[in-house]
Amino acid sequence: MDRTEFMALESPKKAEVLNALMDEGKSQKEAMAEIGVSIKDLVATQVMFSNSDGRFVSKAVGGYSNFHSDNTGEAAK
Protein backbone atom coordinates (compact mmCIF):
# COMPACT_ATOMS: atom_id res chain seq x y z
CA MET A 1 0.00 0.00 0.00
CA ASP A 2 1.33 3.41 -0.88
CA ARG A 3 0.93 6.70 1.00
CA THR A 4 -1.99 7.97 -1.13
CA GLU A 5 -4.03 4.79 -0.61
CA PHE A 6 -3.22 4.83 3.10
CA MET A 7 -4.23 8.47 3.59
CA ALA A 8 -7.60 7.77 1.91
CA LEU A 9 -8.51 5.24 4.63
CA GLU A 10 -10.57 6.05 7.71
CA SER A 11 -8.53 6.51 10.91
CA PRO A 12 -9.38 3.13 12.51
CA LYS A 13 -8.36 1.33 9.29
CA LYS A 14 -5.07 3.28 9.23
CA ALA A 15 -4.28 1.99 12.72
CA GLU A 16 -5.14 -1.57 11.61
CA VAL A 17 -2.80 -1.37 8.61
CA LEU A 18 0.10 -0.08 10.73
CA ASN A 19 -0.53 -2.67 13.43
CA ALA A 20 -0.58 -5.43 10.80
CA LEU A 21 2.89 -4.33 9.68
CA MET A 22 4.06 -4.40 13.30
CA ASP A 23 2.60 -7.91 13.65
CA GLU A 24 4.94 -8.91 10.81
CA GLY A 25 7.86 -7.89 13.03
CA LYS A 26 8.42 -4.30 11.97
CA SER A 27 9.04 -1.51 14.46
CA GLN A 28 6.86 1.60 14.71
CA LYS A 29 9.24 3.59 12.52
CA GLU A 30 9.71 0.78 10.01
CA ALA A 31 5.93 0.39 9.60
CA MET A 32 5.53 4.12 9.01
CA ALA A 33 8.47 4.20 6.59
CA GLU A 34 7.07 1.31 4.55
CA ILE A 35 3.92 3.31 3.85
CA GLY A 36 5.70 6.66 3.63
CA VAL A 37 3.91 8.53 6.42
CA SER A 38 5.28 10.73 9.17
CA ILE A 39 4.15 11.37 12.73
CA LYS A 40 2.69 14.66 11.48
CA ASP A 41 0.52 12.76 8.94
CA LEU A 42 -0.75 10.42 11.63
CA VAL A 43 -1.49 13.17 14.16
CA ALA A 44 -3.46 15.08 11.51
CA THR A 45 -5.64 12.00 10.99
CA GLN A 46 -5.90 11.26 14.73
CA VAL A 47 -3.86 8.07 14.71
CA MET A 48 -1.46 7.84 17.63
CA PHE A 49 1.11 5.35 18.85
CA SER A 50 0.33 4.12 22.35
CA ASN A 51 3.60 3.49 24.15
CA SER A 52 1.83 1.59 26.92
CA ASP A 53 0.19 -0.83 24.46
CA GLY A 54 2.93 -0.76 21.82
CA ARG A 55 0.23 -0.38 19.16
CA PHE A 56 -1.25 2.28 16.92
CA VAL A 57 -4.67 3.50 18.03
CA SER A 58 -7.28 5.69 16.40
CA LYS A 59 -8.48 8.61 18.47
CA ALA A 60 -10.88 9.83 15.78
CA VAL A 61 -13.60 12.12 17.00
CA GLY A 62 -16.16 13.24 14.48
CA GLY A 63 -17.73 16.63 14.13
CA TYR A 64 -17.17 19.99 15.72
CA SER A 65 -17.68 20.60 19.38
CA ASN A 66 -17.70 23.83 21.27
CA PHE A 67 -17.21 23.34 24.98
CA HIS A 68 -18.06 26.97 25.75
CA SER A 69 -21.80 27.33 25.63
CA ASP A 70 -21.79 31.04 26.49
CA ASN A 71 -20.51 32.98 23.52
CA THR A 72 -22.16 36.32 24.36
CA GLY A 73 -18.91 37.85 25.57
CA GLU A 74 -20.47 39.00 28.83
CA ALA A 75 -18.86 38.05 32.12
CA ALA A 76 -20.93 36.42 34.84
CA LYS A 77 -22.13 38.95 37.43
PDB file of N, CA and C in Angstrom:
ATOM      1  N   MET A   1       0.849  -1.167   0.000  1.00  0.00           N
ATOM      2  CA  MET A   1       0.000   0.000   0.000  1.00  0.00           C
ATOM      3  C   MET A   1       0.902   1.240   0.000  1.00  0.00           C
ATOM      4  N   ASP A   2       0.541   2.185  -0.850  1.00  0.00           N
ATOM      5  CA  ASP A   2       1.333   3.415  -0.883  1.00  0.00           C
ATOM      6  C   ASP A   2       0.688   4.487  -0.001  1.00  0.00           C
ATOM      7  N   ARG A   3       1.364   5.617   0.117  1.00  0.00           N
ATOM      8  CA  ARG A   3       0.926   6.697   1.002  1.00  0.00           C
ATOM      9  C   ARG A   3      -0.454   7.238   0.616  1.00  0.00           C
ATOM     10  N   THR A   4      -0.716   7.419  -0.668  1.00  0.00           N
ATOM     11  CA  THR A   4      -1.993   7.966  -1.128  1.00  0.00           C
ATOM     12  C   THR A   4      -3.152   7.056  -0.743  1.00  0.00           C
ATOM     13  N   GLU A   5      -2.988   5.749  -0.982  1.00  0.00           N
ATOM     14  CA  GLU A   5      -4.033   4.789  -0.610  1.00  0.00           C
ATOM     15  C   GLU A   5      -4.250   4.790   0.904  1.00  0.00           C
ATOM     16  N   PHE A   6      -3.146   4.841   1.642  1.00  0.00           N
ATOM     17  CA  PHE A   6      -3.221   4.830   3.102  1.00  0.00           C
ATOM     18  C   PHE A   6      -3.957   6.062   3.630  1.00  0.00           C
ATOM     19  N   MET A   7      -3.627   7.231   3.108  1.00  0.00           N
ATOM     20  CA  MET A   7      -4.234   8.470   3.590  1.00  0.00           C
ATOM     21  C   MET A   7      -5.721   8.553   3.254  1.00  0.00           C
ATOM     22  N   ALA A   8      -6.188   7.777   2.274  1.00  0.00           N
ATOM     23  CA  ALA A   8      -7.602   7.772   1.908  1.00  0.00           C
ATOM     24  C   ALA A   8      -8.442   6.920   2.863  1.00  0.00           C
ATOM     25  N   LEU A   9      -7.791   6.106   3.689  1.00  0.00           N
ATOM     26  CA  LEU A   9      -8.506   5.243   4.627  1.00  0.00           C
ATOM     27  C   LEU A   9      -9.049   6.036   5.809  1.00  0.00           C
ATOM     28  N   GLU A  10     -10.061   5.485   6.463  1.00  0.00           N
ATOM     29  CA  GLU A  10     -10.565   6.050   7.712  1.00  0.00           C
ATOM     30  C   GLU A  10      -9.528   5.784   8.811  1.00  0.00           C
ATOM     31  N   SER A  11      -9.535   6.602   9.838  1.00  0.00           N
ATOM     32  CA  SER A  11      -8.533   6.508  10.908  1.00  0.00           C
ATOM     33  C   SER A  11      -8.420   5.121  11.546  1.00  0.00           C
ATOM     34  N   PRO A  12      -9.536   4.458  11.905  1.00  0.00           N
ATOM     35  CA  PRO A  12      -9.385   3.125  12.506  1.00  0.00           C
ATOM     36  C   PRO A  12      -8.700   2.125  11.568  1.00  0.00           C
ATOM     37  N   LYS A  13      -8.979   2.235  10.266  1.00  0.00           N
ATOM     38  CA  LYS A  13      -8.363   1.332   9.288  1.00  0.00           C
ATOM     39  C   LYS A  13      -6.866   1.630   9.159  1.00  0.00           C
ATOM     40  N   LYS A  14      -6.493   2.914   9.264  1.00  0.00           N
ATOM     41  CA  LYS A  14      -5.067   3.278   9.226  1.00  0.00           C
ATOM     42  C   LYS A  14      -4.323   2.591  10.365  1.00  0.00           C
ATOM     43  N   ALA A  15      -4.910   2.633  11.560  1.00  0.00           N
ATOM     44  CA  ALA A  15      -4.284   1.986  12.717  1.00  0.00           C
ATOM     45  C   ALA A  15      -4.155   0.485  12.484  1.00  0.00           C
ATOM     46  N   GLU A  16      -5.184  -0.127  11.900  1.00  0.00           N
ATOM     47  CA  GLU A  16      -5.145  -1.571  11.609  1.00  0.00           C
ATOM     48  C   GLU A  16      -4.007  -1.917  10.651  1.00  0.00           C
ATOM     49  N   VAL A  17      -3.848  -1.118   9.609  1.00  0.00           N
ATOM     50  CA  VAL A  17      -2.799  -1.375   8.608  1.00  0.00           C
ATOM     51  C   VAL A  17      -1.422  -1.283   9.266  1.00  0.00           C
ATOM     52  N   LEU A  18      -1.199  -0.236  10.056  1.00  0.00           N
ATOM     53  CA  LEU A  18       0.099  -0.080  10.726  1.00  0.00           C
ATOM     54  C   LEU A  18       0.346  -1.201  11.731  1.00  0.00           C
ATOM     55  N   ASN A  19      -0.687  -1.582  12.470  1.00  0.00           N
ATOM     56  CA  ASN A  19      -0.535  -2.671  13.435  1.00  0.00           C
ATOM     57  C   ASN A  19      -0.262  -3.999  12.742  1.00  0.00           C
ATOM     58  N   ALA A  20      -0.846  -4.200  11.567  1.00  0.00           N
ATOM     59  CA  ALA A  20      -0.580  -5.432  10.805  1.00  0.00           C
ATOM     60  C   ALA A  20       0.893  -5.496  10.404  1.00  0.00           C
ATOM     61  N   LEU A  21       1.457  -4.353  10.021  1.00  0.00           N
ATOM     62  CA  LEU A  21       2.886  -4.330   9.683  1.00  0.00           C
ATOM     63  C   LEU A  21       3.742  -4.622  10.917  1.00  0.00           C
ATOM     64  N   MET A  22       3.319  -4.118  12.066  1.00  0.00           N
ATOM     65  CA  MET A  22       4.055  -4.401  13.297  1.00  0.00           C
ATOM     66  C   MET A  22       3.935  -5.874  13.677  1.00  0.00           C
ATOM     67  N   ASP A  23       2.783  -6.479  13.392  1.00  0.00           N
ATOM     68  CA  ASP A  23       2.599  -7.914  13.654  1.00  0.00           C
ATOM     69  C   ASP A  23       3.544  -8.762  12.811  1.00  0.00           C
ATOM     70  N   GLU A  24       3.967  -8.215  11.674  1.00  0.00           N
ATOM     71  CA  GLU A  24       4.936  -8.910  10.808  1.00  0.00           C
ATOM     72  C   GLU A  24       6.360  -8.780  11.345  1.00  0.00           C
ATOM     73  N   GLY A  25       6.532  -8.018  12.425  1.00  0.00           N
ATOM     74  CA  GLY A  25       7.858  -7.889  13.033  1.00  0.00           C
ATOM     75  C   GLY A  25       8.523  -6.546  12.819  1.00  0.00           C
ATOM     76  N   LYS A  26       7.844  -5.618  12.199  1.00  0.00           N
ATOM     77  CA  LYS A  26       8.419  -4.297  11.965  1.00  0.00           C
ATOM     78  C   LYS A  26       8.262  -3.426  13.211  1.00  0.00           C
ATOM     79  N   SER A  27       9.159  -2.470  13.366  1.00  0.00           N
ATOM     80  CA  SER A  27       9.045  -1.505  14.459  1.00  0.00           C
ATOM     81  C   SER A  27       8.069  -0.408  14.051  1.00  0.00           C
ATOM     82  N   GLN A  28       7.756   0.466  14.989  1.00  0.00           N
ATOM     83  CA  GLN A  28       6.861   1.599  14.708  1.00  0.00           C
ATOM     84  C   GLN A  28       7.389   2.416  13.530  1.00  0.00           C
ATOM     85  N   LYS A  29       8.654   2.769  13.575  1.00  0.00           N
ATOM     86  CA  LYS A  29       9.244   3.594  12.517  1.00  0.00           C
ATOM     87  C   LYS A  29       9.338   2.852  11.199  1.00  0.00           C
ATOM     88  N   GLU A  30       9.631   1.568  11.234  1.00  0.00           N
ATOM     89  CA  GLU A  30       9.708   0.775  10.007  1.00  0.00           C
ATOM     90  C   GLU A  30       8.336   0.662   9.343  1.00  0.00           C
ATOM     91  N   ALA A  31       7.285   0.482  10.146  1.00  0.00           N
ATOM     92  CA  ALA A  31       5.927   0.391   9.600  1.00  0.00           C
ATOM     93  C   ALA A  31       5.534   1.704   8.929  1.00  0.00           C
ATOM     94  N   MET A  32       5.846   2.814   9.579  1.00  0.00           N
ATOM     95  CA  MET A  32       5.529   4.122   9.007  1.00  0.00           C
ATOM     96  C   MET A  32       6.336   4.368   7.737  1.00  0.00           C
ATOM     97  N   ALA A  33       7.601   3.993   7.750  1.00  0.00           N
ATOM     98  CA  ALA A  33       8.471   4.200   6.586  1.00  0.00           C
ATOM     99  C   ALA A  33       8.017   3.363   5.393  1.00  0.00           C
ATOM    100  N   GLU A  34       7.516   2.159   5.651  1.00  0.00           N
ATOM    101  CA  GLU A  34       7.071   1.306   4.546  1.00  0.00           C
ATOM    102  C   GLU A  34       5.915   1.949   3.780  1.00  0.00           C
ATOM    103  N   ILE A  35       5.053   2.644   4.500  1.00  0.00           N
ATOM    104  CA  ILE A  35       3.917   3.308   3.854  1.00  0.00           C
ATOM    105  C   ILE A  35       4.293   4.706   3.376  1.00  0.00           C
ATOM    106  N   GLY A  36       5.264   5.321   4.030  1.00  0.00           N
ATOM    107  CA  GLY A  36       5.699   6.659   3.634  1.00  0.00           C
ATOM    108  C   GLY A  36       4.989   7.773   4.376  1.00  0.00           C
ATOM    109  N   VAL A  37       4.587   7.498   5.616  1.00  0.00           N
ATOM    110  CA  VAL A  37       3.913   8.531   6.415  1.00  0.00           C
ATOM    111  C   VAL A  37       4.808   8.973   7.567  1.00  0.00           C
ATOM    112  N   SER A  38       4.535  10.190   8.038  1.00  0.00           N
ATOM    113  CA  SER A  38       5.275  10.729   9.175  1.00  0.00           C
ATOM    114  C   SER A  38       4.353  10.829  10.383  1.00  0.00           C
ATOM    115  N   ILE A  39       4.936  11.139  11.514  1.00  0.00           N
ATOM    116  CA  ILE A  39       4.152  11.367  12.728  1.00  0.00           C
ATOM    117  C   ILE A  39       3.152  12.492  12.483  1.00  0.00           C
ATOM    118  N   LYS A  40       3.571  13.519  11.773  1.00  0.00           N
ATOM    119  CA  LYS A  40       2.689  14.655  11.478  1.00  0.00           C
ATOM    120  C   LYS A  40       1.454  14.196  10.691  1.00  0.00           C
ATOM    121  N   ASP A  41       1.647  13.301   9.718  1.00  0.00           N
ATOM    122  CA  ASP A  41       0.524  12.759   8.943  1.00  0.00           C
ATOM    123  C   ASP A  41      -0.452  12.023   9.856  1.00  0.00           C
ATOM    124  N   LEU A  42       0.097  11.223  10.753  1.00  0.00           N
ATOM    125  CA  LEU A  42      -0.751  10.423  11.631  1.00  0.00           C
ATOM    126  C   LEU A  42      -1.509  11.291  12.625  1.00  0.00           C
ATOM    127  N   VAL A  43      -0.833  12.278  13.205  1.00  0.00           N
ATOM    128  CA  VAL A  43      -1.493  13.169  14.164  1.00  0.00           C
ATOM    129  C   VAL A  43      -2.632  13.918  13.478  1.00  0.00           C
ATOM    130  N   ALA A  44      -2.417  14.355  12.252  1.00  0.00           N
ATOM    131  CA  ALA A  44      -3.456  15.078  11.509  1.00  0.00           C
ATOM    132  C   ALA A  44      -4.690  14.209  11.272  1.00  0.00           C
ATOM    133  N   THR A  45      -4.501  12.901  11.218  1.00  0.00           N
ATOM    134  CA  THR A  45      -5.637  11.998  10.991  1.00  0.00           C
ATOM    135  C   THR A  45      -6.056  11.286  12.276  1.00  0.00           C
ATOM    136  N   GLN A  46      -5.553  11.749  13.395  1.00  0.00           N
ATOM    137  CA  GLN A  46      -5.902  11.256  14.726  1.00  0.00           C
ATOM    138  C   GLN A  46      -5.560   9.788  14.941  1.00  0.00           C
ATOM    139  N   VAL A  47      -4.401   9.398  14.441  1.00  0.00           N
ATOM    140  CA  VAL A  47      -3.863   8.072  14.706  1.00  0.00           C
ATOM    141  C   VAL A  47      -2.605   8.281  15.539  1.00  0.00           C
ATOM    142  N   MET A  48      -2.569   7.657  16.701  1.00  0.00           N
ATOM    143  CA  MET A  48      -1.457   7.839  17.625  1.00  0.00           C
ATOM    144  C   MET A  48      -0.809   6.488  17.914  1.00  0.00           C
ATOM    145  N   PHE A  49       0.436   6.559  18.404  1.00  0.00           N
ATOM    146  CA  PHE A  49       1.107   5.346  18.850  1.00  0.00           C
ATOM    147  C   PHE A  49       1.035   5.313  20.364  1.00  0.00           C
ATOM    148  N   SER A  50       0.456   4.268  20.901  1.00  0.00           N
ATOM    149  CA  SER A  50       0.333   4.116  22.350  1.00  0.00           C
ATOM    150  C   SER A  50       1.567   3.391  22.867  1.00  0.00           C
ATOM    151  N   ASN A  51       2.395   4.114  23.605  1.00  0.00           N
ATOM    152  CA  ASN A  51       3.605   3.493  24.150  1.00  0.00           C
ATOM    153  C   ASN A  51       3.262   2.402  25.157  1.00  0.00           C
ATOM    154  N   SER A  52       2.191   2.588  25.910  1.00  0.00           N
ATOM    155  CA  SER A  52       1.833   1.591  26.920  1.00  0.00           C
ATOM    156  C   SER A  52       1.371   0.279  26.281  1.00  0.00           C
ATOM    157  N   ASP A  53       0.671   0.371  25.146  1.00  0.00           N
ATOM    158  CA  ASP A  53       0.194  -0.834  24.455  1.00  0.00           C
ATOM    159  C   ASP A  53       1.174  -1.320  23.391  1.00  0.00           C
ATOM    160  N   GLY A  54       2.030  -0.415  22.914  1.00  0.00           N
ATOM    161  CA  GLY A  54       2.933  -0.764  21.822  1.00  0.00           C
ATOM    162  C   GLY A  54       2.204  -0.945  20.507  1.00  0.00           C
ATOM    163  N   ARG A  55       1.081  -0.254  20.345  1.00  0.00           N
ATOM    164  CA  ARG A  55       0.232  -0.381  19.163  1.00  0.00           C
ATOM    165  C   ARG A  55      -0.222   0.997  18.699  1.00  0.00           C
ATOM    166  N   PHE A  56      -0.635   1.069  17.443  1.00  0.00           N
ATOM    167  CA  PHE A  56      -1.254   2.278  16.922  1.00  0.00           C
ATOM    168  C   PHE A  56      -2.734   2.244  17.299  1.00  0.00           C
ATOM    169  N   VAL A  57      -3.261   3.392  17.683  1.00  0.00           N
ATOM    170  CA  VAL A  57      -4.675   3.500  18.031  1.00  0.00           C
ATOM    171  C   VAL A  57      -5.280   4.699  17.320  1.00  0.00           C
ATOM    172  N   SER A  58      -6.556   4.593  17.040  1.00  0.00           N
ATOM    173  CA  SER A  58      -7.280   5.690  16.402  1.00  0.00           C
ATOM    174  C   SER A  58      -8.029   6.458  17.467  1.00  0.00           C
ATOM    175  N   LYS A  59      -7.789   7.751  17.513  1.00  0.00           N
ATOM    176  CA  LYS A  59      -8.480   8.614  18.467  1.00  0.00           C
ATOM    177  C   LYS A  59      -9.444   9.522  17.721  1.00  0.00           C
ATOM    178  N   ALA A  60     -10.013   9.016  16.635  1.00  0.00           N
ATOM    179  CA  ALA A  60     -10.876   9.831  15.778  1.00  0.00           C
ATOM    180  C   ALA A  60     -12.133  10.267  16.516  1.00  0.00           C
ATOM    181  N   VAL A  61     -12.391  11.540  16.429  1.00  0.00           N
ATOM    182  CA  VAL A  61     -13.597  12.115  17.000  1.00  0.00           C
ATOM    183  C   VAL A  61     -14.264  12.897  15.879  1.00  0.00           C
ATOM    184  N   GLY A  62     -15.484  12.577  15.595  1.00  0.00           N
ATOM    185  CA  GLY A  62     -16.160  13.237  14.478  1.00  0.00           C
ATOM    186  C   GLY A  62     -16.839  14.528  14.882  1.00  0.00           C
ATOM    187  N   GLY A  63     -16.960  15.406  13.935  1.00  0.00           N
ATOM    188  CA  GLY A  63     -17.728  16.632  14.131  1.00  0.00           C
ATOM    189  C   GLY A  63     -17.003  17.725  14.872  1.00  0.00           C
ATOM    190  N   TYR A  64     -17.704  18.818  15.029  1.00  0.00           N
ATOM    191  CA  TYR A  64     -17.171  19.991  15.716  1.00  0.00           C
ATOM    192  C   TYR A  64     -17.847  20.099  17.057  1.00  0.00           C
ATOM    193  N   SER A  65     -17.094  20.442  18.069  1.00  0.00           N
ATOM    194  CA  SER A  65     -17.677  20.597  19.378  1.00  0.00           C
ATOM    195  C   SER A  65     -17.164  21.865  20.015  1.00  0.00           C
ATOM    196  N   ASN A  66     -18.054  22.602  20.570  1.00  0.00           N
ATOM    197  CA  ASN A  66     -17.697  23.833  21.273  1.00  0.00           C
ATOM    198  C   ASN A  66     -18.025  23.624  22.737  1.00  0.00           C
ATOM    199  N   PHE A  67     -17.006  23.612  23.561  1.00  0.00           N
ATOM    200  CA  PHE A  67     -17.209  23.343  24.977  1.00  0.00           C
ATOM    201  C   PHE A  67     -17.646  24.582  25.748  1.00  0.00           C
ATOM    202  N   HIS A  68     -17.651  25.728  25.095  1.00  0.00           N
ATOM    203  CA  HIS A  68     -18.060  26.969  25.750  1.00  0.00           C
ATOM    204  C   HIS A  68     -19.445  27.338  25.246  1.00  0.00           C
ATOM    205  N   SER A  69     -20.439  27.092  26.069  1.00  0.00           N
ATOM    206  CA  SER A  69     -21.804  27.326  25.627  1.00  0.00           C
ATOM    207  C   SER A  69     -22.164  28.820  25.612  1.00  0.00           C
ATOM    208  N   ASP A  70     -21.486  29.615  26.435  1.00  0.00           N
ATOM    209  CA  ASP A  70     -21.793  31.040  26.490  1.00  0.00           C
ATOM    210  C   ASP A  70     -20.840  31.787  25.569  1.00  0.00           C
ATOM    211  N   ASN A  71     -21.352  32.239  24.448  1.00  0.00           N
ATOM    212  CA  ASN A  71     -20.514  32.981  23.515  1.00  0.00           C
ATOM    213  C   ASN A  71     -20.980  34.425  23.376  1.00  0.00           C
ATOM    214  N   THR A  72     -21.649  34.944  24.414  1.00  0.00           N
ATOM    215  CA  THR A  72     -22.161  36.316  24.360  1.00  0.00           C
ATOM    216  C   THR A  72     -21.098  37.349  24.642  1.00  0.00           C
ATOM    217  N   GLY A  73     -19.996  36.912  25.259  1.00  0.00           N
ATOM    218  CA  GLY A  73     -18.911  37.855  25.572  1.00  0.00           C
ATOM    219  C   GLY A  73     -19.135  38.619  26.859  1.00  0.00           C
ATOM    220  N   GLU A  74     -20.209  38.318  27.570  1.00  0.00           N
ATOM    221  CA  GLU A  74     -20.466  38.996  28.828  1.00  0.00           C
ATOM    222  C   GLU A  74     -19.986  38.129  29.985  1.00  0.00           C
ATOM    223  N   ALA A  75     -19.342  38.766  30.942  1.00  0.00           N
ATOM    224  CA  ALA A  75     -18.857  38.047  32.120  1.00  0.00           C
ATOM    225  C   ALA A  75     -20.019  37.793  33.085  1.00  0.00           C
ATOM    226  N   ALA A  76     -19.915  36.716  33.822  1.00  0.00           N
ATOM    227  CA  ALA A  76     -20.931  36.418  34.839  1.00  0.00           C
ATOM    228  C   ALA A  76     -20.885  37.491  35.912  1.00  0.00           C
ATOM    229  N   LYS A  77     -22.066  37.897  36.401  1.00  0.00           N
ATOM    230  CA  LYS A  77     -22.128  38.947  37.428  1.00  0.00           C
ATOM    231  C   LYS A  77     -22.472  38.405  38.761  1.00  0.00           C
TER     232      LYS A  77
END
